[in-house]
N, C-alpha and C. Protein backbone atom coordinates (compact mmCIF):
# COMPACT_ATOMS: atom_id res chain seq x y z
N MET A 1 17.64 -15.45 -15.43
CA MET A 1 16.57 -14.68 -14.83
C MET A 1 15.92 -15.52 -13.73
N ASN A 2 15.68 -14.91 -12.60
CA ASN A 2 15.09 -15.59 -11.45
C ASN A 2 13.57 -15.47 -11.51
N TYR A 3 12.93 -16.47 -12.13
CA TYR A 3 11.49 -16.42 -12.34
C TYR A 3 10.70 -16.52 -11.04
N LYS A 4 11.22 -17.25 -10.08
CA LYS A 4 10.51 -17.37 -8.80
C LYS A 4 10.48 -16.02 -8.08
N ASN A 5 11.56 -15.28 -8.15
CA ASN A 5 11.59 -13.96 -7.53
C ASN A 5 10.62 -13.02 -8.25
N LEU A 6 10.59 -13.10 -9.60
CA LEU A 6 9.64 -12.30 -10.36
C LEU A 6 8.21 -12.64 -9.97
N GLY A 7 7.91 -13.92 -9.88
CA GLY A 7 6.57 -14.35 -9.50
C GLY A 7 6.17 -13.88 -8.12
N LYS A 8 7.10 -13.98 -7.19
CA LYS A 8 6.81 -13.56 -5.82
C LYS A 8 6.53 -12.05 -5.76
N LEU A 9 7.34 -11.25 -6.44
CA LEU A 9 7.12 -9.81 -6.45
C LEU A 9 5.85 -9.43 -7.20
N LEU A 10 5.57 -10.12 -8.30
CA LEU A 10 4.33 -9.88 -9.03
C LEU A 10 3.13 -10.24 -8.17
N GLY A 11 3.26 -11.30 -7.38
CA GLY A 11 2.19 -11.67 -6.46
C GLY A 11 1.91 -10.58 -5.44
N LYS A 12 2.95 -9.94 -4.94
CA LYS A 12 2.76 -8.83 -3.99
C LYS A 12 2.02 -7.68 -4.65
N ILE A 13 2.36 -7.38 -5.89
CA ILE A 13 1.69 -6.31 -6.61
C ILE A 13 0.23 -6.67 -6.86
N MET A 14 -0.04 -7.92 -7.17
CA MET A 14 -1.42 -8.36 -7.41
C MET A 14 -2.25 -8.25 -6.14
N VAL A 15 -1.69 -8.65 -5.02
CA VAL A 15 -2.42 -8.53 -3.75
C VAL A 15 -2.68 -7.06 -3.44
N LEU A 16 -1.71 -6.21 -3.71
CA LEU A 16 -1.89 -4.78 -3.48
C LEU A 16 -3.02 -4.22 -4.34
N GLU A 17 -3.08 -4.61 -5.62
CA GLU A 17 -4.17 -4.15 -6.47
C GLU A 17 -5.51 -4.67 -5.96
N GLY A 18 -5.54 -5.92 -5.51
CA GLY A 18 -6.78 -6.47 -4.96
C GLY A 18 -7.23 -5.72 -3.72
N VAL A 19 -6.30 -5.36 -2.85
CA VAL A 19 -6.64 -4.60 -1.64
C VAL A 19 -7.13 -3.20 -2.02
N LEU A 20 -6.49 -2.58 -3.00
CA LEU A 20 -6.90 -1.24 -3.43
C LEU A 20 -8.28 -1.25 -4.08
N MET A 21 -8.67 -2.38 -4.67
CA MET A 21 -10.00 -2.47 -5.28
C MET A 21 -11.09 -2.62 -4.23
N LEU A 22 -10.71 -2.80 -2.97
CA LEU A 22 -11.72 -2.84 -1.91
C LEU A 22 -12.39 -1.48 -1.72
N ALA A 23 -11.68 -0.39 -2.04
CA ALA A 23 -12.25 0.95 -1.88
C ALA A 23 -13.48 1.15 -2.77
N PRO A 24 -13.43 0.87 -4.08
CA PRO A 24 -14.65 1.02 -4.86
C PRO A 24 -15.73 0.01 -4.48
N LEU A 25 -15.33 -1.16 -3.98
CA LEU A 25 -16.33 -2.11 -3.51
C LEU A 25 -17.07 -1.55 -2.31
N LEU A 26 -16.35 -0.92 -1.40
CA LEU A 26 -16.97 -0.28 -0.24
C LEU A 26 -17.91 0.83 -0.67
N VAL A 27 -17.51 1.61 -1.65
CA VAL A 27 -18.37 2.69 -2.16
C VAL A 27 -19.63 2.11 -2.78
N SER A 28 -19.52 0.98 -3.46
CA SER A 28 -20.71 0.36 -4.05
C SER A 28 -21.69 -0.11 -2.97
N PHE A 29 -21.18 -0.50 -1.81
CA PHE A 29 -22.07 -0.85 -0.70
C PHE A 29 -22.70 0.40 -0.09
N ILE A 30 -21.93 1.47 0.04
CA ILE A 30 -22.45 2.71 0.63
C ILE A 30 -23.57 3.28 -0.23
N TYR A 31 -23.40 3.27 -1.54
CA TYR A 31 -24.39 3.84 -2.45
C TYR A 31 -25.43 2.82 -2.90
N ARG A 32 -25.42 1.65 -2.29
CA ARG A 32 -26.41 0.59 -2.56
C ARG A 32 -26.51 0.26 -4.05
N GLU A 33 -25.36 0.00 -4.64
CA GLU A 33 -25.32 -0.40 -6.04
C GLU A 33 -25.98 -1.78 -6.19
N SER A 34 -26.24 -2.15 -7.41
CA SER A 34 -26.85 -3.45 -7.67
C SER A 34 -25.85 -4.57 -7.34
N ALA A 35 -26.38 -5.77 -7.27
CA ALA A 35 -25.51 -6.93 -7.00
C ALA A 35 -24.48 -7.10 -8.11
N ARG A 36 -24.87 -6.76 -9.32
CA ARG A 36 -23.95 -6.85 -10.45
C ARG A 36 -22.78 -5.88 -10.27
N GLY A 37 -23.07 -4.69 -9.77
CA GLY A 37 -22.03 -3.70 -9.53
C GLY A 37 -21.05 -4.15 -8.46
N LYS A 38 -21.56 -4.81 -7.43
CA LYS A 38 -20.69 -5.32 -6.37
C LYS A 38 -19.86 -6.50 -6.88
N LEU A 39 -20.52 -7.36 -7.66
CA LEU A 39 -19.84 -8.53 -8.21
C LEU A 39 -18.72 -8.11 -9.17
N ALA A 40 -18.93 -6.99 -9.84
CA ALA A 40 -17.92 -6.50 -10.79
C ALA A 40 -16.58 -6.24 -10.10
N PHE A 41 -16.61 -5.84 -8.85
CA PHE A 41 -15.36 -5.62 -8.12
C PHE A 41 -14.95 -6.85 -7.32
N LEU A 42 -15.91 -7.62 -6.88
CA LEU A 42 -15.60 -8.78 -6.05
C LEU A 42 -14.84 -9.86 -6.83
N LEU A 43 -15.23 -10.09 -8.08
CA LEU A 43 -14.56 -11.12 -8.88
C LEU A 43 -13.07 -10.86 -9.07
N PRO A 44 -12.67 -9.67 -9.54
CA PRO A 44 -11.23 -9.46 -9.69
C PRO A 44 -10.49 -9.40 -8.35
N ILE A 45 -11.16 -8.95 -7.29
CA ILE A 45 -10.50 -8.93 -5.98
C ILE A 45 -10.14 -10.35 -5.55
N ILE A 46 -11.10 -11.25 -5.67
CA ILE A 46 -10.87 -12.64 -5.28
C ILE A 46 -9.76 -13.25 -6.14
N ALA A 47 -9.82 -13.00 -7.45
CA ALA A 47 -8.81 -13.56 -8.35
C ALA A 47 -7.42 -12.98 -8.06
N LEU A 48 -7.34 -11.67 -7.89
CA LEU A 48 -6.05 -11.03 -7.64
C LEU A 48 -5.43 -11.50 -6.33
N VAL A 49 -6.22 -11.51 -5.28
CA VAL A 49 -5.68 -11.91 -3.98
C VAL A 49 -5.33 -13.40 -3.98
N GLY A 50 -6.18 -14.22 -4.57
CA GLY A 50 -5.91 -15.66 -4.62
C GLY A 50 -4.65 -15.99 -5.41
N ILE A 51 -4.56 -15.46 -6.61
CA ILE A 51 -3.38 -15.72 -7.44
C ILE A 51 -2.14 -15.07 -6.82
N GLY A 52 -2.31 -13.85 -6.31
CA GLY A 52 -1.17 -13.14 -5.71
C GLY A 52 -0.61 -13.86 -4.50
N LEU A 53 -1.49 -14.36 -3.64
CA LEU A 53 -1.01 -15.09 -2.46
C LEU A 53 -0.35 -16.41 -2.85
N SER A 54 -0.90 -17.08 -3.86
CA SER A 54 -0.27 -18.33 -4.28
C SER A 54 1.10 -18.07 -4.92
N LEU A 55 1.26 -16.96 -5.63
CA LEU A 55 2.57 -16.63 -6.18
C LEU A 55 3.57 -16.28 -5.09
N GLN A 56 3.10 -15.75 -3.99
CA GLN A 56 4.00 -15.40 -2.89
C GLN A 56 4.54 -16.62 -2.16
N LEU A 57 3.97 -17.78 -2.42
CA LEU A 57 4.47 -19.01 -1.81
C LEU A 57 5.75 -19.50 -2.47
N LEU A 58 6.08 -18.94 -3.63
CA LEU A 58 7.32 -19.33 -4.32
C LEU A 58 8.52 -18.97 -3.46
N LYS A 59 9.51 -19.83 -3.47
CA LYS A 59 10.73 -19.63 -2.68
C LYS A 59 11.90 -19.38 -3.63
N PRO A 60 12.23 -18.11 -3.90
CA PRO A 60 13.36 -17.84 -4.79
C PRO A 60 14.69 -18.17 -4.12
N LYS A 61 15.68 -18.50 -4.95
CA LYS A 61 17.02 -18.82 -4.43
C LYS A 61 17.70 -17.57 -3.89
N ARG A 62 17.42 -16.45 -4.51
CA ARG A 62 18.00 -15.18 -4.04
C ARG A 62 16.93 -14.10 -4.17
N ASN A 63 17.05 -13.08 -3.37
CA ASN A 63 16.08 -12.00 -3.40
C ASN A 63 16.58 -10.78 -4.15
N PHE A 64 17.74 -10.89 -4.76
CA PHE A 64 18.31 -9.78 -5.50
C PHE A 64 17.63 -9.68 -6.86
N LEU A 65 17.39 -8.46 -7.32
CA LEU A 65 16.72 -8.23 -8.59
C LEU A 65 17.69 -7.52 -9.54
N TYR A 66 18.01 -8.17 -10.65
CA TYR A 66 18.85 -7.54 -11.66
C TYR A 66 18.02 -6.58 -12.50
N GLN A 67 18.70 -5.77 -13.29
CA GLN A 67 18.03 -4.75 -14.08
C GLN A 67 17.03 -5.35 -15.06
N LYS A 68 17.40 -6.41 -15.76
CA LYS A 68 16.48 -7.01 -16.74
C LYS A 68 15.27 -7.61 -16.05
N GLU A 69 15.44 -8.13 -14.84
CA GLU A 69 14.30 -8.65 -14.08
C GLU A 69 13.40 -7.51 -13.63
N GLY A 70 14.00 -6.38 -13.30
CA GLY A 70 13.21 -5.20 -12.93
C GLY A 70 12.37 -4.71 -14.09
N PHE A 71 12.96 -4.68 -15.28
CA PHE A 71 12.20 -4.30 -16.47
C PHE A 71 11.05 -5.27 -16.72
N ALA A 72 11.33 -6.56 -16.60
CA ALA A 72 10.29 -7.57 -16.81
C ALA A 72 9.18 -7.44 -15.78
N LEU A 73 9.55 -7.17 -14.53
CA LEU A 73 8.55 -7.02 -13.47
C LEU A 73 7.64 -5.84 -13.73
N VAL A 74 8.21 -4.72 -14.12
CA VAL A 74 7.39 -3.53 -14.40
C VAL A 74 6.45 -3.79 -15.56
N ALA A 75 6.95 -4.39 -16.63
CA ALA A 75 6.11 -4.68 -17.79
C ALA A 75 4.99 -5.66 -17.43
N LEU A 76 5.33 -6.73 -16.72
CA LEU A 76 4.31 -7.70 -16.32
C LEU A 76 3.29 -7.10 -15.37
N ALA A 77 3.75 -6.25 -14.47
CA ALA A 77 2.83 -5.62 -13.53
C ALA A 77 1.82 -4.74 -14.25
N TRP A 78 2.27 -3.96 -15.23
CA TRP A 78 1.34 -3.12 -15.98
C TRP A 78 0.33 -3.96 -16.74
N ILE A 79 0.80 -5.05 -17.34
CA ILE A 79 -0.10 -5.91 -18.10
C ILE A 79 -1.13 -6.56 -17.18
N VAL A 80 -0.67 -7.13 -16.07
CA VAL A 80 -1.58 -7.81 -15.14
C VAL A 80 -2.58 -6.83 -14.53
N MET A 81 -2.09 -5.66 -14.13
CA MET A 81 -2.99 -4.66 -13.54
C MET A 81 -4.05 -4.22 -14.55
N THR A 82 -3.66 -4.11 -15.81
CA THR A 82 -4.62 -3.72 -16.84
C THR A 82 -5.64 -4.82 -17.08
N LEU A 83 -5.19 -6.05 -17.20
CA LEU A 83 -6.10 -7.16 -17.49
C LEU A 83 -7.13 -7.35 -16.38
N PHE A 84 -6.71 -7.25 -15.13
CA PHE A 84 -7.64 -7.42 -14.02
C PHE A 84 -8.43 -6.15 -13.74
N GLY A 85 -7.83 -5.00 -13.97
CA GLY A 85 -8.51 -3.74 -13.72
C GLY A 85 -9.65 -3.47 -14.68
N ALA A 86 -9.62 -4.09 -15.86
CA ALA A 86 -10.67 -3.89 -16.85
C ALA A 86 -11.92 -4.72 -16.57
N VAL A 87 -11.80 -5.72 -15.74
CA VAL A 87 -12.92 -6.63 -15.48
C VAL A 87 -14.16 -5.92 -14.94
N PRO A 88 -14.05 -5.00 -13.97
CA PRO A 88 -15.27 -4.35 -13.47
C PRO A 88 -16.05 -3.59 -14.55
N PHE A 89 -15.36 -2.98 -15.50
CA PHE A 89 -16.06 -2.28 -16.58
C PHE A 89 -16.91 -3.24 -17.40
N VAL A 90 -16.36 -4.41 -17.69
CA VAL A 90 -17.05 -5.37 -18.54
C VAL A 90 -18.18 -6.06 -17.79
N VAL A 91 -17.92 -6.50 -16.56
CA VAL A 91 -18.94 -7.21 -15.78
C VAL A 91 -20.13 -6.30 -15.49
N ASN A 92 -19.87 -5.05 -15.18
CA ASN A 92 -20.95 -4.11 -14.88
C ASN A 92 -21.66 -3.65 -16.14
N GLY A 93 -21.08 -3.85 -17.30
CA GLY A 93 -21.71 -3.46 -18.54
C GLY A 93 -21.44 -2.02 -18.94
N ASP A 94 -20.56 -1.34 -18.23
CA ASP A 94 -20.24 0.04 -18.57
C ASP A 94 -19.51 0.12 -19.91
N ILE A 95 -18.58 -0.78 -20.12
CA ILE A 95 -17.86 -0.88 -21.39
C ILE A 95 -17.95 -2.34 -21.83
N PRO A 96 -18.81 -2.66 -22.78
CA PRO A 96 -19.03 -4.08 -23.12
C PRO A 96 -17.85 -4.75 -23.82
N ASN A 97 -16.99 -3.99 -24.48
CA ASN A 97 -15.86 -4.57 -25.19
C ASN A 97 -14.64 -4.61 -24.26
N TYR A 98 -14.07 -5.80 -24.06
CA TYR A 98 -12.96 -5.96 -23.11
C TYR A 98 -11.72 -5.17 -23.54
N ILE A 99 -11.45 -5.12 -24.83
CA ILE A 99 -10.28 -4.37 -25.32
C ILE A 99 -10.44 -2.88 -25.00
N ASP A 100 -11.64 -2.34 -25.21
CA ASP A 100 -11.89 -0.94 -24.87
C ASP A 100 -11.76 -0.71 -23.37
N ALA A 101 -12.19 -1.68 -22.58
CA ALA A 101 -12.07 -1.56 -21.13
C ALA A 101 -10.59 -1.58 -20.72
N CYS A 102 -9.79 -2.40 -21.37
CA CYS A 102 -8.34 -2.41 -21.09
C CYS A 102 -7.71 -1.07 -21.44
N PHE A 103 -8.11 -0.51 -22.57
CA PHE A 103 -7.58 0.79 -22.97
C PHE A 103 -7.99 1.86 -21.95
N GLU A 104 -9.22 1.81 -21.51
CA GLU A 104 -9.73 2.81 -20.55
C GLU A 104 -9.01 2.71 -19.21
N ILE A 105 -8.82 1.51 -18.71
CA ILE A 105 -8.19 1.36 -17.40
C ILE A 105 -6.70 1.69 -17.48
N MET A 106 -6.06 1.38 -18.62
CA MET A 106 -4.65 1.74 -18.76
C MET A 106 -4.49 3.26 -18.79
N SER A 107 -5.39 3.94 -19.47
CA SER A 107 -5.30 5.41 -19.47
C SER A 107 -5.60 5.96 -18.09
N GLY A 108 -6.42 5.27 -17.33
CA GLY A 108 -6.68 5.70 -15.96
C GLY A 108 -5.48 5.47 -15.05
N PHE A 109 -4.84 4.32 -15.18
CA PHE A 109 -3.65 4.02 -14.37
C PHE A 109 -2.51 4.99 -14.67
N THR A 110 -2.36 5.34 -15.94
CA THR A 110 -1.25 6.22 -16.33
C THR A 110 -1.63 7.69 -16.28
N THR A 111 -2.86 7.98 -15.93
CA THR A 111 -3.43 9.34 -15.87
C THR A 111 -3.25 10.09 -17.18
N THR A 112 -3.46 9.39 -18.29
CA THR A 112 -3.38 10.04 -19.60
C THR A 112 -4.75 10.21 -20.24
N GLY A 113 -5.79 9.73 -19.59
CA GLY A 113 -7.12 9.76 -20.19
C GLY A 113 -7.91 10.98 -19.87
């Protein structure tokens, strides 16, 4: 398994999630949310973009993705997106329990909630 290629692709997905989280951050500025509400989105954005960009510095030997690596990438992407996507709920105090926030954001990502 080409772990560097997995890391690089996961980094791209993380940066994409960080960029997409800029939309609710912009809305929080438009509606003059509290500093805590803005911080709730700013923290995961900084973490996602920082970690994602650092993962993109990896130099894989090949850029080809086998089927098992594709499965691993999809599973890791869902897990990472859930773990970082739940942070705004907890920081803002909307859902104080992190596990419940993970469940809520996963149901939102999969549109099953």
